[in-house]
Protein backbone atom coordinates (compact mmCIF):
# COMPACT_ATOMS: atom_id res chain seq x y z
CA UNK A 1 205.13 196.89 -31.53
CA UNK A 2 206.58 198.24 -28.30
CA UNK A 3 205.82 196.38 -25.11
CA UNK A 4 205.41 199.65 -23.16
CA UNK A 5 203.61 202.71 -24.45
CA UNK A 6 206.39 205.22 -23.87
CA UNK A 7 208.43 207.64 -25.97
CA UNK A 8 212.22 207.64 -26.00
CA UNK A 9 214.34 210.70 -25.17
CA UNK A 10 215.30 210.95 -28.83
CA UNK A 11 211.71 210.89 -29.99
CA UNK A 12 210.76 213.63 -27.52
CA UNK A 13 213.62 215.89 -28.61
CA UNK A 14 212.81 215.23 -32.27
CA UNK A 15 209.29 216.54 -31.77
CA UNK A 16 207.53 213.23 -32.30
CA UNK A 17 205.40 213.73 -29.20
CA UNK A 18 203.99 216.99 -30.55
CA UNK A 19 200.44 217.75 -31.61
CA UNK A 20 200.01 217.33 -35.34
CA UNK A 21 198.88 220.90 -35.94
CA UNK A 22 202.41 222.10 -35.18
CA UNK A 23 203.75 219.92 -38.02
CA UNK A 24 201.20 221.46 -40.34
CA UNK A 25 201.97 224.95 -39.07
CA UNK A 26 205.68 224.55 -39.81
CA UNK A 27 204.90 223.24 -43.29
CA UNK A 28 202.73 226.28 -44.02
CA UNK A 29 205.27 228.73 -42.58
CA UNK A 30 208.15 227.19 -44.56
CA UNK A 31 206.25 227.46 -47.82
CA UNK A 32 205.72 231.14 -47.08
CA UNK A 33 209.24 231.82 -45.80
CA UNK A 34 208.04 232.61 -42.28
CA UNK A 35 209.52 229.77 -40.22
CA UNK A 36 212.54 231.95 -39.44
CA UNK A 37 210.50 234.81 -37.97
CA UNK A 38 211.99 235.83 -34.61
CA UNK A 39 209.51 235.61 -31.75
CA UNK A 40 209.29 235.69 -27.99
CA UNK A 41 206.95 233.10 -26.47
CA UNK A 42 206.17 233.01 -22.75
CA UNK A 43 204.82 230.32 -20.42
CA UNK A 44 202.04 231.46 -18.09
CA UNK A 45 198.95 230.13 -16.35
CA UNK A 46 195.72 231.96 -15.70
CA UNK A 47 194.85 230.10 -12.50
CA UNK A 48 196.01 227.34 -10.18
CA UNK A 49 194.10 224.12 -9.30
CA UNK A 50 192.61 223.25 -5.90
CA UNK A 51 192.38 227.01 -5.17
CA UNK A 52 196.14 227.09 -4.55
CA UNK A 53 197.43 230.62 -3.91
CA UNK A 54 200.89 229.58 -5.11
CA UNK A 55 202.66 226.70 -6.84
CA UNK A 56 206.15 225.23 -7.19
CA UNK A 57 207.79 225.34 -10.62
CA UNK A 58 209.33 222.02 -11.65
CA UNK A 59 210.54 220.54 -14.92
CA UNK A 60 212.92 223.42 -15.74
CA UNK A 61 215.99 221.21 -16.05
CA UNK A 62 214.15 218.92 -18.45
CA UNK A 63 213.12 221.91 -20.54
CA UNK A 64 216.78 222.92 -20.69
CA UNK A 65 217.71 219.50 -22.07
CA UNK A 66 214.73 219.57 -24.45
CA UNK A 67 215.84 222.85 -26.03
CA UNK A 68 219.57 222.18 -25.85
CA UNK A 69 221.01 222.38 -29.36
CA UNK A 70 218.22 224.62 -30.65
CA UNK A 71 219.17 228.15 -31.74
CA UNK A 72 217.09 229.79 -29.04
CA UNK A 73 217.53 231.71 -25.80
CA UNK A 74 215.52 230.61 -22.78
CA UNK A 75 214.98 232.53 -19.57
CA UNK A 76 213.25 230.85 -16.65
CA UNK A 77 212.61 230.96 -12.95
CA UNK A 78 214.95 228.48 -11.24
CA UNK A 79 213.75 224.95 -10.59
CA UNK A 80 211.76 224.85 -7.36
CA UNK A 81 210.70 228.50 -7.42
CA UNK A 82 207.40 229.25 -5.72
CA UNK A 83 205.32 231.41 -8.05
CA UNK A 84 201.81 232.80 -8.34
CA UNK A 85 199.56 232.88 -11.38
CA UNK A 86 199.53 236.68 -11.23
CA UNK A 87 201.56 239.44 -9.61
CA UNK A 88 200.25 241.86 -6.96
CA UNK A 89 198.49 243.92 -9.64
CA UNK A 90 196.85 240.96 -11.38
CA UNK A 91 199.21 240.62 -14.36
CA UNK A 92 200.06 237.05 -15.38
CA UNK A 93 203.51 235.93 -14.28
CA UNK A 94 205.68 234.32 -16.96
CA UNK A 95 207.69 231.47 -15.44
CA UNK A 96 209.71 231.14 -18.64
CA UNK A 97 210.15 232.66 -22.08
CA UNK A 98 211.79 231.48 -25.30
CA UNK A 99 213.36 233.82 -27.82
CA UNK A 100 214.35 232.75 -31.33
CA UNK A 101 213.07 231.69 -34.73
CA UNK A 102 209.64 230.14 -34.28
CA UNK A 103 210.57 227.24 -36.56
CA UNK A 104 213.34 226.27 -34.12
CA UNK A 105 211.03 225.32 -31.27
CA UNK A 106 207.44 225.14 -32.52
CA UNK A 107 207.44 221.34 -32.62
CA UNK A 108 208.57 221.20 -28.98
CA UNK A 109 205.74 223.24 -27.48
CA UNK A 110 203.69 220.15 -26.60
CA UNK A 111 206.45 218.25 -24.77
CA UNK A 112 207.71 221.45 -23.14
CA UNK A 113 204.33 222.13 -21.60
CA UNK A 114 203.96 218.50 -20.58
CA UNK A 115 207.29 218.65 -18.74
CA UNK A 116 206.39 221.67 -16.61
CA UNK A 117 202.62 221.16 -16.22
CA UNK A 118 202.71 217.73 -14.59
CA UNK A 119 205.93 218.13 -12.63
CA UNK A 120 204.83 221.45 -11.14
CA UNK A 121 201.50 219.97 -10.03
CA UNK A 122 203.17 217.11 -8.17
CA UNK A 123 205.82 219.32 -6.58
CA UNK A 124 203.15 221.78 -5.44
CA UNK A 125 201.02 219.08 -3.79
CA UNK A 126 204.08 217.85 -1.92
CA UNK A 127 205.10 221.35 -0.85
CA UNK A 128 201.62 222.15 0.47
CA UNK A 129 201.65 219.00 2.62
CA UNK A 130 205.07 219.92 3.95
CA UNK A 131 203.83 223.43 4.76
CA UNK A 132 200.90 222.01 6.75
CA UNK A 133 203.03 219.64 8.87
CA UNK A 134 206.56 221.07 8.80
CA UNK A 135 207.94 218.79 11.50
CA UNK A 136 206.36 215.46 10.54
CA UNK A 137 207.80 212.62 8.45
CA UNK A 138 206.19 212.43 4.99
CA UNK A 139 207.02 209.71 2.46
CA UNK A 140 205.98 209.39 -1.18
CA UNK A 141 204.06 206.13 -1.73
CA UNK A 142 202.19 207.06 -4.91
CA UNK A 143 204.05 205.53 -7.84
CA UNK A 144 201.79 202.44 -7.98
CA UNK A 145 198.91 204.66 -9.10
CA UNK A 146 200.67 206.02 -12.20
CA UNK A 147 202.47 204.69 -15.28
CA UNK A 148 205.77 203.11 -14.17
CA UNK A 149 207.71 205.00 -16.84
CA UNK A 150 207.26 208.22 -14.87
CA UNK A 151 207.89 206.80 -11.39
CA UNK A 152 211.28 208.58 -11.12
CA UNK A 153 209.61 211.87 -12.10
CA UNK A 154 206.95 211.46 -9.40
CA UNK A 155 209.52 210.67 -6.72
CA UNK A 156 211.76 213.54 -7.84
CA UNK A 157 208.92 216.08 -7.69
CA UNK A 158 207.71 214.82 -4.32
CA UNK A 159 211.23 215.02 -2.91
CA UNK A 160 212.09 218.51 -4.15
CA UNK A 161 208.64 219.61 -2.99
CA UNK A 162 209.69 218.80 0.56
CA UNK A 163 208.80 215.17 1.26
CA UNK A 164 211.40 213.29 3.28
CA UNK A 165 211.69 210.11 1.24
CA UNK A 166 210.31 208.03 -1.61
CA UNK A 167 209.35 204.39 -1.92
CA UNK A 168 210.46 203.92 -5.53
CA UNK A 169 213.71 202.04 -6.01
CA UNK A 170 214.70 203.77 -9.27
CA UNK A 171 213.45 207.15 -8.10
CA UNK A 172 215.53 206.96 -4.93
CA UNK A 173 218.55 205.79 -6.91
CA UNK A 174 218.34 208.81 -9.22
CA UNK A 175 217.90 211.12 -6.23
CA UNK A 176 220.92 209.65 -4.50
CA UNK A 177 218.97 208.61 -1.40
CA UNK A 178 217.85 205.33 0.15
CA UNK A 179 214.29 204.23 -0.70
CA UNK A 180 211.81 204.28 2.18
CA UNK A 181 209.01 201.87 3.00
CA UNK A 182 207.53 199.47 5.51
CA UNK A 183 205.86 196.17 4.61
CA UNK A 184 202.79 195.18 2.57
CA UNK A 185 199.74 193.32 3.79
CA UNK A 186 200.80 190.56 1.43
CA UNK A 187 203.75 189.67 3.67
CA UNK A 188 201.49 189.19 6.67
CA UNK A 189 198.84 187.30 4.70
CA UNK A 190 201.40 184.87 3.24
CA UNK A 191 202.70 184.10 6.73
CA UNK A 192 199.13 183.81 8.01
CA UNK A 193 200.17 185.34 11.30
CA UNK A 194 201.15 188.95 11.89
CA UNK A 195 203.57 188.22 14.75
CA UNK A 196 205.44 185.62 12.66
CA UNK A 197 205.62 188.10 9.77
CA UNK A 198 206.95 190.93 11.95
CA UNK A 199 209.58 188.71 13.52
CA UNK A 200 210.60 187.27 10.14
CA UNK A 201 210.98 190.82 8.81
CA UNK A 202 213.19 191.68 11.78
CA UNK A 203 215.34 188.57 11.38
CA UNK A 204 215.81 188.81 7.62
CA UNK A 205 216.68 192.44 7.04
CA UNK A 206 219.75 194.51 8.02
CA UNK A 207 219.54 196.60 11.20
CA UNK A 208 219.64 199.97 9.43
CA UNK A 209 216.14 199.37 8.05
CA UNK A 210 213.60 200.74 10.57
CA UNK A 211 211.31 198.11 12.09
CA UNK A 212 207.88 199.48 11.23
CA UNK A 213 205.07 196.99 11.76
CA UNK A 214 201.92 197.18 9.67
CA UNK A 215 199.14 196.85 12.23
CA UNK A 216 195.70 196.50 10.71
CA UNK A 217 195.61 193.22 8.76
CA UNK A 218 193.55 190.83 10.87
CA UNK A 219 192.52 192.54 14.12
CA UNK A 220 191.68 195.93 15.58
CA UNK A 221 194.49 198.47 15.17
CA UNK A 222 195.02 198.89 18.90
CA UNK A 223 195.23 195.14 19.46
CA UNK A 224 197.78 194.64 16.67
CA UNK A 225 199.89 197.61 17.81
CA UNK A 226 200.14 196.14 21.29
CA UNK A 227 201.03 192.75 19.79
CA UNK A 228 203.78 194.35 17.68
CA UNK A 229 205.23 196.22 20.63
CA UNK A 230 205.32 193.06 22.74
CA UNK A 231 206.79 191.00 19.88
CA UNK A 232 209.61 193.36 18.87
CA UNK A 233 210.13 195.34 22.04
CA UNK A 234 212.84 198.00 21.78
CA UNK A 235 213.50 197.06 18.15
CA UNK A 236 210.14 198.48 17.11
CA UNK A 237 210.71 201.90 15.51
CA UNK A 238 207.13 202.51 14.50
CA UNK A 239 203.74 201.15 13.54
CA UNK A 240 201.83 201.88 10.36
CA UNK A 241 198.06 202.14 10.16
CA UNK A 242 196.74 201.67 6.63
CA UNK A 243 193.11 201.09 7.56
CA UNK A 244 190.83 201.23 4.49
CA UNK A 245 188.20 203.95 4.52
CA UNK A 246 185.39 201.35 4.67
CA UNK A 247 186.66 200.18 8.09
CA UNK A 248 188.22 203.36 9.33
CA UNK A 249 185.49 205.27 11.13
CA UNK A 250 187.08 208.15 13.01
CA UNK A 251 190.72 207.71 12.00
CA UNK A 252 191.92 210.52 14.26
CA UNK A 253 190.29 208.78 17.23
CA UNK A 254 192.08 205.55 16.30
CA UNK A 255 195.42 207.39 16.20
CA UNK A 256 194.80 208.95 19.61
CA UNK A 257 193.81 205.58 21.05
CA UNK A 258 196.91 203.86 19.68
CA UNK A 259 199.14 206.63 21.03
CA UNK A 260 197.58 206.28 24.47
CA UNK A 261 198.02 202.52 24.63
CA UNK A 262 201.64 202.68 23.46
CA UNK A 263 202.50 205.37 26.01
CA UNK A 264 200.67 203.52 28.78
CA UNK A 265 202.93 200.53 28.22
CA UNK A 266 206.14 202.54 28.07
CA UNK A 267 206.53 202.59 24.28
CA UNK A 268 206.68 206.35 24.07
CA UNK A 269 209.40 206.27 21.41
CA UNK A 270 207.38 204.16 18.96
CA UNK A 271 206.21 206.33 16.07
CA UNK A 272 202.75 206.18 14.49
CA UNK A 273 202.68 206.34 10.70
CA UNK A 274 199.43 206.51 8.74
CA UNK A 275 198.70 205.97 5.06
CA UNK A 276 195.80 205.55 2.68
CA UNK A 277 193.92 208.50 1.20
CA UNK A 278 196.04 211.18 2.87
CA UNK A 279 195.54 214.70 1.52
CA UNK A 280 195.73 218.23 2.88
CA UNK A 281 192.69 217.93 5.15
CA UNK A 282 193.63 214.50 6.50
CA UNK A 283 197.29 215.27 7.13
CA UNK A 284 196.44 218.24 9.32
CA UNK A 285 193.76 216.44 11.34
CA UNK A 286 195.81 213.27 11.83
CA UNK A 287 198.93 215.25 12.67
CA UNK A 288 197.04 217.06 15.43
CA UNK A 289 195.73 213.68 16.65
CA UNK A 290 199.27 212.41 17.18
CA UNK A 291 200.44 210.81 13.93
CA UNK A 292 204.21 211.15 13.58
CA UNK A 293 204.48 210.40 9.89
CA UNK A 294 202.53 209.89 6.69
CA UNK A 295 202.71 207.78 3.58
CA UNK A 296 201.15 209.89 0.82
CA UNK A 297 200.05 208.32 -2.44
CA UNK A 298 197.56 209.50 -5.04
CA UNK A 299 197.19 212.99 -3.58
CA UNK A 300 200.66 213.78 -4.94
CA UNK A 301 201.23 211.29 -7.77
CA UNK A 302 197.88 212.08 -9.38
CA UNK A 303 198.05 215.81 -8.69
CA UNK A 304 196.14 218.15 -10.99
CA UNK A 305 198.47 219.67 -13.56
CA UNK A 306 199.31 223.35 -13.68
CA UNK A 307 197.50 224.55 -16.79
CA UNK A 308 200.42 226.37 -18.39
CA UNK A 309 200.18 227.77 -21.91
CA UNK A 310 202.89 228.94 -24.31
CA UNK A 311 201.97 232.15 -26.16
CA UNK A 312 203.82 234.36 -28.64
CA UNK A 313 204.03 237.85 -27.16
CA UNK A 314 206.52 239.49 -29.50
CA UNK A 315 207.37 239.24 -33.21
CA UNK A 316 210.49 240.85 -34.66
CA UNK A 317 210.81 243.02 -31.57
CA UNK A 318 207.23 244.29 -31.59
CA UNK A 319 204.64 243.42 -28.91
CA UNK A 320 201.80 241.16 -30.01
CA UNK A 321 199.36 238.92 -28.17
CA UNK A 322 196.08 237.09 -28.64
CA UNK A 323 193.01 238.11 -26.70
CA UNK A 324 193.40 237.75 -22.96
CA UNK A 325 197.22 237.86 -23.03
CA UNK A 326 199.65 240.79 -22.71
CA UNK A 327 202.12 241.57 -25.48
CA UNK A 328 205.83 242.17 -25.04
CA UNK A 329 208.80 240.38 -23.49
CA UNK A 330 208.56 240.59 -19.71
CA UNK A 331 210.53 240.19 -16.52
CA UNK A 332 209.18 239.12 -13.13
CA UNK A 333 210.58 241.03 -10.18
CA UNK A 334 210.36 239.77 -6.60
CA UNK A 335 210.88 241.25 -3.18
CA UNK A 336 212.75 238.47 -1.42
CA UNK A 337 211.72 239.93 1.93
CA UNK A 338 207.96 240.37 1.39
CA UNK A 339 207.62 237.74 -1.36
CA UNK A 340 205.68 240.17 -3.55
CA UNK A 341 206.03 239.94 -7.34
CA UNK A 342 205.77 242.59 -10.04
CA UNK A 343 205.61 241.94 -13.81
CA UNK A 344 207.29 244.58 -16.00
CA UNK A 345 208.33 244.83 -19.64
CA UNK A 346 211.83 243.41 -20.01
CA UNK A 347 213.15 246.55 -21.71
CA UNK A 348 212.89 248.33 -18.36
CA UNK A 349 215.88 246.90 -16.49
CA UNK A 350 215.56 249.17 -13.46
CA UNK A 351 214.63 247.04 -10.43
CA UNK A 352 211.28 248.29 -9.12
CA UNK A 353 210.67 249.17 -5.50
CA UNK A 354 208.68 246.80 -3.31
CA UNK A 355 205.31 248.45 -2.57
CA UNK A 356 205.50 247.19 1.02
CA UNK A 357 209.04 247.51 2.35
CA UNK A 358 210.45 249.83 -0.34
CA UNK A 359 213.50 247.63 -0.96
CA UNK A 360 214.65 246.90 -4.52
CA UNK A 361 213.17 243.80 -6.09
CA UNK A 362 215.19 241.07 -7.85
CA UNK A 363 214.77 239.64 -11.36
CA UNK A 364 213.37 236.09 -11.34
CA UNK A 365 213.69 235.09 -14.99
CA UNK A 366 217.32 234.10 -15.45
CA UNK A 367 219.26 232.73 -18.47
CA UNK A 368 218.74 228.97 -18.83
CA UNK A 369 219.74 228.30 -22.45
CA UNK A 370 221.62 230.72 -24.68
CA UNK A 371 221.95 230.00 -28.39
CA UNK A 372 221.20 226.35 -27.71
CA UNK A 373 223.71 225.92 -24.89
CA UNK A 374 222.68 225.30 -21.29
CA UNK A 375 224.24 228.14 -19.32
CA UNK A 376 222.46 227.84 -15.98
CA UNK A 377 223.83 225.66 -13.22
CA UNK A 378 221.36 222.83 -12.77
CA UNK A 379 221.29 222.19 -9.02
CA UNK A 380 221.01 218.81 -7.33
CA UNK A 381 217.67 217.57 -5.99
CA UNK A 382 218.94 218.21 -2.47
CA UNK A 383 219.76 221.84 -3.30
CA UNK A 384 216.36 222.36 -4.94
CA UNK A 385 214.62 220.82 -1.94
CA UNK A 386 216.43 223.22 0.42
CA UNK A 387 215.43 226.12 -1.86
CA UNK A 388 211.77 225.07 -1.74
CA UNK A 389 211.81 224.65 2.05
CA UNK A 390 213.33 228.10 2.48
CA UNK A 391 210.58 229.68 0.38
CA UNK A 392 207.86 227.76 2.23
CA UNK A 393 208.83 229.62 5.39
CA UNK A 394 207.82 232.86 3.65
CA UNK A 395 204.40 231.95 2.23
CA UNK A 396 201.08 231.12 3.85
CA UNK A 397 199.02 228.05 3.03
């Protein structure tokens, strides 16, 4: 028996993480000579969680590797694309479609959806926080709340979604960045004295690591912040307030009070970082109160998934769809100036005109995999992050 309840890459690509009814479907189709029927299947969602008006597509590169080697063509929006559930006329937006024999990819529907549903939810939560406080430091602290096997995925999605850094060692390594973090309460409790712990931290670690003192273990936040400033002086880069909700009261008032006391003593350069239960509402309020940075945990790592579905919309070149879905292979067109989308049948290759500015719109679904070969350039996390940040400047919250 395995020590950890995880699937290997080989098992995922082999379809062993599928739902059993796909195995039975393939068996039935093979016996009737229908597993080779050519279809087009598209990925769409009918709505977005948390009343989001838009979301960030993530998991595209993993889908490319999942379908690599299969005799299929895949078109998709690029990784990090901001999309809406529906276009300006209310038609569902496909973020991806697969074209080929149904028997080639049927067993991979379950893992394919899992790759984009969860990743897109996390990336969207991160992007919405970044949109709310564009000039504040935001770090991903949420991997302790989820299965460790997906900690690199969580950190990746948070980073491309616009967060500045991640706490996970492996996640940061795969991103090609340095992990970010401060200190746990455990360090202070083991020392039994916060000043001794802060000074030991300063003495033991290299100078490039910011000196951020955790200031809420034993005493009032203001008292500990003043103690940290006096103990570390100019070495103190910042203070972190991780006050539990049961003791927090008016957290914004605490932040304002701490900022006042630091400034009154000449520590105007010391940053205030807050963590613990930070979501969209809290990050805006605390940012306005004077917090310079945030450690965000469960709000991102345990984000609601995007409820994508994969539906056949064409068989042997003819439109077909179940109730509630629209038949036919489609293309999504976007005005890069107005950020308006229009869904059209793919057979019409003429770029439509933006209903607002009258400029020609651009096709969003681009070749990802052709005849089993990855043909798209898979950008680095840093390039995807820049792409997301650029789009965020064009959408409202």
